[in-house]
């Protein structure tokens, strides 16, 4: 049986899943590729299209979006956020980190290795 390990015990840096909504499928693919290429994410899953209903500048809005589920570590969140803001077309993009409380031990080790493999 595989061992599920609490996220805080998986290594030095806590695991997170970052949710980022994107306005188009191609923009979502480009962002996902960039985050993985820069080792800010071990993996990015793209879900969509999805309907989003939200308030913007006091008015209800509706849009079709794609959701990125970004697997990373808490120590990479600030740099990941900067990369998203620099390349996102929204004035205020959704960038929300959710802590991973438990994960398969080998999966957690893989995520950490993927986002730190070539750090200086």
C-alpha atoms as a PDB file:
ATOM      1  CA  UNK A   1       0.000   0.000   0.000  1.00  0.00           C
ATOM      2  CA  UNK A   2       1.306   3.465  -0.892  1.00  0.00           C
ATOM      3  CA  UNK A   3       1.883   5.886   1.909  1.00  0.00           C
ATOM      4  CA  UNK A   4      -0.039   9.148   2.060  1.00  0.00           C
ATOM      5  CA  UNK A   5       2.131  11.651   3.827  1.00  0.00           C
ATOM      6  CA  UNK A   6       0.953  14.918   5.403  1.00  0.00           C
ATOM      7  CA  UNK A   7       2.010  17.803   3.165  1.00  0.00           C
ATOM      8  CA  UNK A   8       4.120  19.489   5.839  1.00  0.00           C
ATOM      9  CA  UNK A   9       6.142  16.282   6.244  1.00  0.00           C
ATOM     10  CA  UNK A  10       6.832  15.760   2.541  1.00  0.00           C
ATOM     11  CA  UNK A  11       9.967  17.865   2.596  1.00  0.00           C
ATOM     12  CA  UNK A  12      11.294  21.292   3.368  1.00  0.00           C
ATOM     13  CA  UNK A  13       8.697  23.253   1.375  1.00  0.00           C
ATOM     14  CA  UNK A  14       4.932  22.772   1.669  1.00  0.00           C
ATOM     15  CA  UNK A  15       3.133  21.706  -1.487  1.00  0.00           C
ATOM     16  CA  UNK A  16       0.492  23.975  -2.994  1.00  0.00           C
ATOM     17  CA  UNK A  17      -1.960  23.884  -5.874  1.00  0.00           C
ATOM     18  CA  UNK A  18      -2.405  27.277  -7.502  1.00  0.00           C
ATOM     19  CA  UNK A  19      -5.633  28.058  -9.364  1.00  0.00           C
ATOM     20  CA  UNK A  20      -5.348  30.512 -12.243  1.00  0.00           C
ATOM     21  CA  UNK A  21      -8.201  31.362 -14.613  1.00  0.00           C
ATOM     22  CA  UNK A  22      -7.333  32.208 -18.205  1.00  0.00           C
ATOM     23  CA  UNK A  23      -9.447  33.909 -20.905  1.00  0.00           C
ATOM     24  CA  UNK A  24      -8.580  31.616 -23.840  1.00  0.00           C
ATOM     25  CA  UNK A  25      -7.441  28.022 -24.363  1.00  0.00           C
ATOM     26  CA  UNK A  26      -4.268  29.054 -26.193  1.00  0.00           C
ATOM     27  CA  UNK A  27      -3.348  31.555 -23.472  1.00  0.00           C
ATOM     28  CA  UNK A  28      -3.872  28.782 -20.900  1.00  0.00           C
ATOM     29  CA  UNK A  29      -1.523  26.432 -22.817  1.00  0.00           C
ATOM     30  CA  UNK A  30       1.098  29.149 -23.182  1.00  0.00           C
ATOM     31  CA  UNK A  31       0.956  30.034 -19.472  1.00  0.00           C
ATOM     32  CA  UNK A  32       1.128  26.379 -18.428  1.00  0.00           C
ATOM     33  CA  UNK A  33       4.113  25.749 -20.677  1.00  0.00           C
ATOM     34  CA  UNK A  34       5.917  28.838 -19.403  1.00  0.00           C
ATOM     35  CA  UNK A  35       5.402  27.927 -15.743  1.00  0.00           C
ATOM     36  CA  UNK A  36       6.718  24.398 -16.281  1.00  0.00           C
ATOM     37  CA  UNK A  37       9.602  25.605 -18.476  1.00  0.00           C
ATOM     38  CA  UNK A  38      10.692  28.060 -15.765  1.00  0.00           C
ATOM     39  CA  UNK A  39      10.406  25.334 -13.108  1.00  0.00           C
ATOM     40  CA  UNK A  40       7.760  27.277 -11.207  1.00  0.00           C
ATOM     41  CA  UNK A  41       5.426  24.293 -11.579  1.00  0.00           C
ATOM     42  CA  UNK A  42       5.958  20.549 -11.753  1.00  0.00           C
ATOM     43  CA  UNK A  43       2.684  20.044 -13.581  1.00  0.00           C
ATOM     44  CA  UNK A  44      -0.179  22.186 -14.832  1.00  0.00           C
ATOM     45  CA  UNK A  45      -3.578  20.757 -15.681  1.00  0.00           C
ATOM     46  CA  UNK A  46      -5.915  22.771 -17.897  1.00  0.00           C
ATOM     47  CA  UNK A  47      -9.654  22.436 -17.325  1.00  0.00           C
ATOM     48  CA  UNK A  48     -12.288  24.010 -19.494  1.00  0.00           C
ATOM     49  CA  UNK A  49     -13.988  25.626 -21.044  1.00  0.00           C
ATOM     50  CA  UNK A  50     -15.968  26.690 -18.013  1.00  0.00           C
ATOM     51  CA  UNK A  51     -18.499  29.432 -17.360  1.00  0.00           C
ATOM     52  CA  UNK A  52     -17.458  32.088 -14.851  1.00  0.00           C
ATOM     53  CA  UNK A  53     -19.902  34.545 -13.342  1.00  0.00           C
ATOM     54  CA  UNK A  54     -18.336  37.263 -11.222  1.00  0.00           C
ATOM     55  CA  UNK A  55     -18.523  40.904 -10.188  1.00  0.00           C
ATOM     56  CA  UNK A  56     -16.183  43.358 -11.891  1.00  0.00           C
ATOM     57  CA  UNK A  57     -16.329  47.074 -11.155  1.00  0.00           C
ATOM     58  CA  UNK A  58     -19.664  46.639  -9.409  1.00  0.00           C
ATOM     59  CA  UNK A  59     -21.389  44.840 -12.262  1.00  0.00           C
ATOM     60  CA  UNK A  60     -22.158  41.144 -12.780  1.00  0.00           C
ATOM     61  CA  UNK A  61     -20.099  39.679 -15.617  1.00  0.00           C
ATOM     62  CA  UNK A  62     -20.019  36.362 -17.437  1.00  0.00           C
ATOM     63  CA  UNK A  63     -17.105  34.841 -19.338  1.00  0.00           C
ATOM     64  CA  UNK A  64     -15.820  31.570 -20.710  1.00  0.00           C
ATOM     65  CA  UNK A  65     -12.502  30.688 -19.095  1.00  0.00           C
ATOM     66  CA  UNK A  66      -9.995  27.871 -18.665  1.00  0.00           C
ATOM     67  CA  UNK A  67      -8.679  26.931 -15.234  1.00  0.00           C
ATOM     68  CA  UNK A  68      -5.053  26.063 -14.585  1.00  0.00           C
ATOM     69  CA  UNK A  69      -4.331  23.737 -11.658  1.00  0.00           C
ATOM     70  CA  UNK A  70      -0.654  24.376 -10.955  1.00  0.00           C
ATOM     71  CA  UNK A  71       1.327  21.961  -8.734  1.00  0.00           C
ATOM     72  CA  UNK A  72       4.190  23.736  -6.985  1.00  0.00           C
ATOM     73  CA  UNK A  73       5.673  24.596  -3.599  1.00  0.00           C
ATOM     74  CA  UNK A  74       4.998  27.509  -1.273  1.00  0.00           C
ATOM     75  CA  UNK A  75       8.509  28.896  -1.703  1.00  0.00           C
ATOM     76  CA  UNK A  76       7.914  29.302  -5.474  1.00  0.00           C
ATOM     77  CA  UNK A  77       4.565  31.113  -5.075  1.00  0.00           C
ATOM     78  CA  UNK A  78       5.900  34.675  -5.190  1.00  0.00           C
ATOM     79  CA  UNK A  79       7.940  34.098  -8.363  1.00  0.00           C
ATOM     80  CA  UNK A  80       5.063  32.133  -9.923  1.00  0.00           C
ATOM     81  CA  UNK A  81       2.694  35.032  -9.170  1.00  0.00           C
ATOM     82  CA  UNK A  82       5.084  37.548 -10.729  1.00  0.00           C
ATOM     83  CA  UNK A  83       5.332  35.432 -13.901  1.00  0.00           C
ATOM     84  CA  UNK A  84       1.555  35.138 -14.186  1.00  0.00           C
ATOM     85  CA  UNK A  85       0.921  38.852 -13.620  1.00  0.00           C
ATOM     86  CA  UNK A  86       3.579  39.768 -16.209  1.00  0.00           C
ATOM     87  CA  UNK A  87       1.978  37.599 -18.905  1.00  0.00           C
ATOM     88  CA  UNK A  88      -1.754  37.672 -18.048  1.00  0.00           C
ATOM     89  CA  UNK A  89      -4.104  39.982 -19.917  1.00  0.00           C
ATOM     90  CA  UNK A  90      -6.489  40.506 -16.960  1.00  0.00           C
ATOM     91  CA  UNK A  91      -5.935  43.566 -14.748  1.00  0.00           C
ATOM     92  CA  UNK A  92      -6.562  41.394 -11.701  1.00  0.00           C
ATOM     93  CA  UNK A  93      -5.984  37.724 -12.521  1.00  0.00           C
ATOM     94  CA  UNK A  94      -7.193  34.966 -10.232  1.00  0.00           C
ATOM     95  CA  UNK A  95      -4.108  33.521  -8.529  1.00  0.00           C
ATOM     96  CA  UNK A  96      -5.137  31.470  -5.491  1.00  0.00           C
ATOM     97  CA  UNK A  97      -2.890  28.993  -3.674  1.00  0.00           C
ATOM     98  CA  UNK A  98      -4.468  26.071  -1.857  1.00  0.00           C
ATOM     99  CA  UNK A  99      -2.289  24.116   0.583  1.00  0.00           C
ATOM    100  CA  UNK A 100      -1.936  20.413  -0.114  1.00  0.00           C
ATOM    101  CA  UNK A 101      -2.442  18.762   3.251  1.00  0.00           C
ATOM    102  CA  UNK A 102      -1.710  15.186   2.174  1.00  0.00           C
ATOM    103  CA  UNK A 103      -0.106  13.580  -0.877  1.00  0.00           C
ATOM    104  CA  UNK A 104       1.527  10.384  -1.965  1.00  0.00           C
ATOM    105  CA  UNK A 105       5.085  10.685  -0.641  1.00  0.00           C
ATOM    106  CA  UNK A 106       6.729   9.969  -3.991  1.00  0.00           C
ATOM    107  CA  UNK A 107       4.458  12.507  -5.716  1.00  0.00           C
ATOM    108  CA  UNK A 108       5.405  15.230  -3.240  1.00  0.00           C
ATOM    109  CA  UNK A 109       9.087  14.431  -3.732  1.00  0.00           C
ATOM    110  CA  UNK A 110       8.625  14.640  -7.525  1.00  0.00           C
ATOM    111  CA  UNK A 111       6.934  18.062  -7.317  1.00  0.00           C
ATOM    112  CA  UNK A 112       9.738  19.429  -5.137  1.00  0.00           C
ATOM    113  CA  UNK A 113      12.417  18.014  -7.408  1.00  0.00           C
ATOM    114  CA  UNK A 114      10.735  19.405 -10.533  1.00  0.00           C
ATOM    115  CA  UNK A 115      10.565  22.965  -9.205  1.00  0.00           C
ATOM    116  CA  UNK A 116      14.071  23.003  -7.731  1.00  0.00           C
ATOM    117  CA  UNK A 117      16.102  20.780 -10.093  1.00  0.00           C
ATOM    118  CA  UNK A 118      18.237  23.554 -11.574  1.00  0.00           C
ATOM    119  CA  UNK A 119      18.032  26.306  -8.981  1.00  0.00           C
ATOM    120  CA  UNK A 120      21.271  28.160  -8.290  1.00  0.00           C
END
